[in-house]
Amino acid sequence: DYLEDLEVADEVVLNFQKNKVAPTSVTHDPKGGKTKINIGLPIEYREGRILGVLHHEIGTHFLRKFNEKNQVWYKKRDKYELKSCIQTEEGFASINQLFEMVIYLPYMTLLIVLRRGEASVLV
């Protein structure tokens, strides 16, 4: 199991919903402290894509946020003059999701980065 392999199964709740716009999204419940992975029904991922989505949403976004809780700057980003890392994180997430694709095209990484406007991260 993906979440158990990452040792975060107790931190995450799977939430299956009909009629979702996005096939998968991740939200955080500040009161309960758990992260909710929202999965649209019916599941319509192509073969090899679901693991890429897990790498994107859990292996990148969730783990970055989960690990940040252990950092000295947690909830004090302004004090340490830390800027948002979402552009870089989204670039990494996009690359991570490609590792499990059935058909891997070497230039897809560059296309995703350029499409999302993170080209400045590479410069």
Protein backbone atom coordinates (compact mmCIF):
# COMPACT_ATOMS: atom_id res chain seq x y z
CA ASP A 1 0.00 0.00 0.00
CA TYR A 2 1.39 3.37 -1.07
CA LEU A 3 0.56 5.24 2.15
CA GLU A 4 1.89 2.46 4.37
CA ASP A 5 5.15 2.31 2.40
CA LEU A 6 5.60 6.04 3.11
CA GLU A 7 4.59 5.48 6.76
CA VAL A 8 1.83 8.11 6.59
CA ALA A 9 -1.32 5.95 6.48
CA ASP A 10 -2.47 7.32 9.86
CA GLU A 11 -2.15 10.91 8.62
CA VAL A 12 -4.40 10.56 5.56
CA VAL A 13 -8.09 9.87 4.93
CA LEU A 14 -9.31 8.65 1.54
CA ASN A 15 -12.53 10.36 0.48
CA PHE A 16 -14.36 8.95 -2.56
CA GLN A 17 -16.90 11.36 -4.10
CA LYS A 18 -19.23 11.26 -7.08
CA ASN A 19 -19.40 14.15 -9.55
CA LYS A 20 -16.08 15.82 -8.66
CA VAL A 21 -14.65 18.27 -11.16
CA ALA A 22 -11.04 17.28 -10.50
CA PRO A 23 -10.31 13.54 -10.61
CA THR A 24 -8.08 13.88 -7.53
CA SER A 25 -7.41 16.64 -5.03
CA VAL A 26 -5.85 16.97 -1.61
CA THR A 27 -7.23 19.09 1.22
CA HIS A 28 -6.19 19.49 4.84
CA ASP A 29 -8.49 19.54 7.85
CA PRO A 30 -6.84 21.89 10.36
CA LYS A 31 -9.19 20.81 13.17
CA GLY A 32 -8.63 17.08 12.82
CA GLY A 33 -5.07 17.47 11.59
CA LYS A 34 -5.55 14.91 8.83
CA THR A 35 -5.08 15.31 5.12
CA LYS A 36 -7.97 14.23 2.92
CA ILE A 37 -7.35 12.75 -0.49
CA ASN A 38 -10.48 13.37 -2.54
CA ILE A 39 -10.95 10.86 -5.34
CA GLY A 40 -13.66 11.35 -7.92
CA LEU A 41 -15.97 8.49 -8.85
CA PRO A 42 -16.03 6.74 -11.17
CA ILE A 43 -12.24 6.41 -11.28
CA GLU A 44 -11.21 7.01 -14.87
CA TYR A 45 -7.43 6.93 -14.81
CA ARG A 46 -5.51 5.25 -17.60
CA GLU A 47 -3.19 2.37 -16.80
CA GLY A 48 -0.06 3.64 -15.11
CA ARG A 49 -1.49 7.07 -14.31
CA ILE A 50 -2.87 6.44 -10.81
CA LEU A 51 0.59 5.76 -9.39
CA GLY A 52 1.82 8.95 -11.05
CA VAL A 53 -1.02 10.87 -9.39
CA LEU A 54 -0.03 9.38 -6.03
CA HIS A 55 3.58 10.47 -6.59
CA HIS A 56 2.33 13.96 -7.49
CA GLU A 57 -0.21 14.50 -4.71
CA ILE A 58 1.20 12.39 -1.87
CA GLY A 59 4.84 11.82 -2.74
CA THR A 60 5.44 15.51 -3.36
CA HIS A 61 2.75 17.89 -2.04
CA PHE A 62 1.69 15.96 1.05
CA LEU A 63 5.19 14.88 2.10
CA ARG A 64 6.54 18.42 1.75
CA LYS A 65 3.77 19.75 3.98
CA PHE A 66 4.09 16.81 6.40
CA ASN A 67 7.86 17.30 6.71
CA GLU A 68 7.51 21.04 7.14
CA LYS A 69 5.75 20.44 10.47
CA ASN A 70 9.12 19.32 11.85
CA GLN A 71 11.00 22.41 10.71
CA VAL A 72 11.93 25.37 12.87
CA TRP A 73 10.06 27.70 10.48
CA TYR A 74 6.73 25.82 10.70
CA LYS A 75 3.99 28.45 10.86
CA LYS A 76 6.76 31.10 11.00
CA ARG A 77 7.67 31.43 7.32
CA ASP A 78 7.48 35.24 7.49
CA LYS A 79 9.86 35.38 10.46
CA TYR A 80 12.45 33.45 8.45
CA GLU A 81 11.65 35.39 5.26
CA LEU A 82 10.70 32.21 3.41
CA LYS A 83 8.75 32.69 0.23
CA SER A 84 6.17 30.35 -1.18
CA CYS A 85 7.63 27.20 -2.66
CA ILE A 86 4.53 26.17 -4.63
CA GLN A 87 6.00 26.88 -8.08
CA THR A 88 9.08 24.75 -7.46
CA GLU A 89 7.02 22.12 -5.67
CA GLU A 90 4.55 21.90 -8.55
CA GLY A 91 7.43 21.46 -10.97
CA PHE A 92 8.83 18.59 -8.88
CA ALA A 93 5.35 17.07 -8.54
CA SER A 94 4.88 17.17 -12.30
CA ILE A 95 8.19 15.42 -12.84
CA ASN A 96 7.47 12.84 -10.12
CA GLN A 97 4.18 11.90 -11.73
CA LEU A 98 5.93 11.00 -14.98
CA PHE A 99 8.04 8.21 -13.46
CA GLU A 100 5.23 5.65 -13.60
CA MET A 101 3.71 6.53 -16.95
CA VAL A 102 3.31 3.61 -19.34
CA ILE A 103 4.53 5.72 -22.24
CA TYR A 104 7.35 8.00 -21.22
CA LEU A 105 8.33 10.78 -23.59
CA PRO A 106 11.57 12.51 -22.52
CA TYR A 107 10.37 15.95 -23.51
CA MET A 108 7.14 15.73 -21.49
CA THR A 109 8.88 17.02 -18.38
CA LEU A 110 9.93 20.19 -20.15
CA LEU A 111 6.46 20.65 -21.66
CA ILE A 112 4.78 20.36 -18.25
CA VAL A 113 7.23 22.78 -16.64
CA LEU A 114 6.79 25.30 -19.45
CA ARG A 115 3.02 24.89 -19.49
CA ARG A 116 2.76 25.64 -15.78
CA GLY A 117 4.98 28.68 -16.01
CA GLU A 118 7.82 27.37 -13.90
CA ALA A 119 10.46 27.83 -16.57
CA SER A 120 12.11 30.50 -14.41
CA VAL A 121 12.83 27.82 -11.81
CA LEU A 122 15.11 26.07 -14.31
CA VAL A 123 17.11 29.21 -15.13
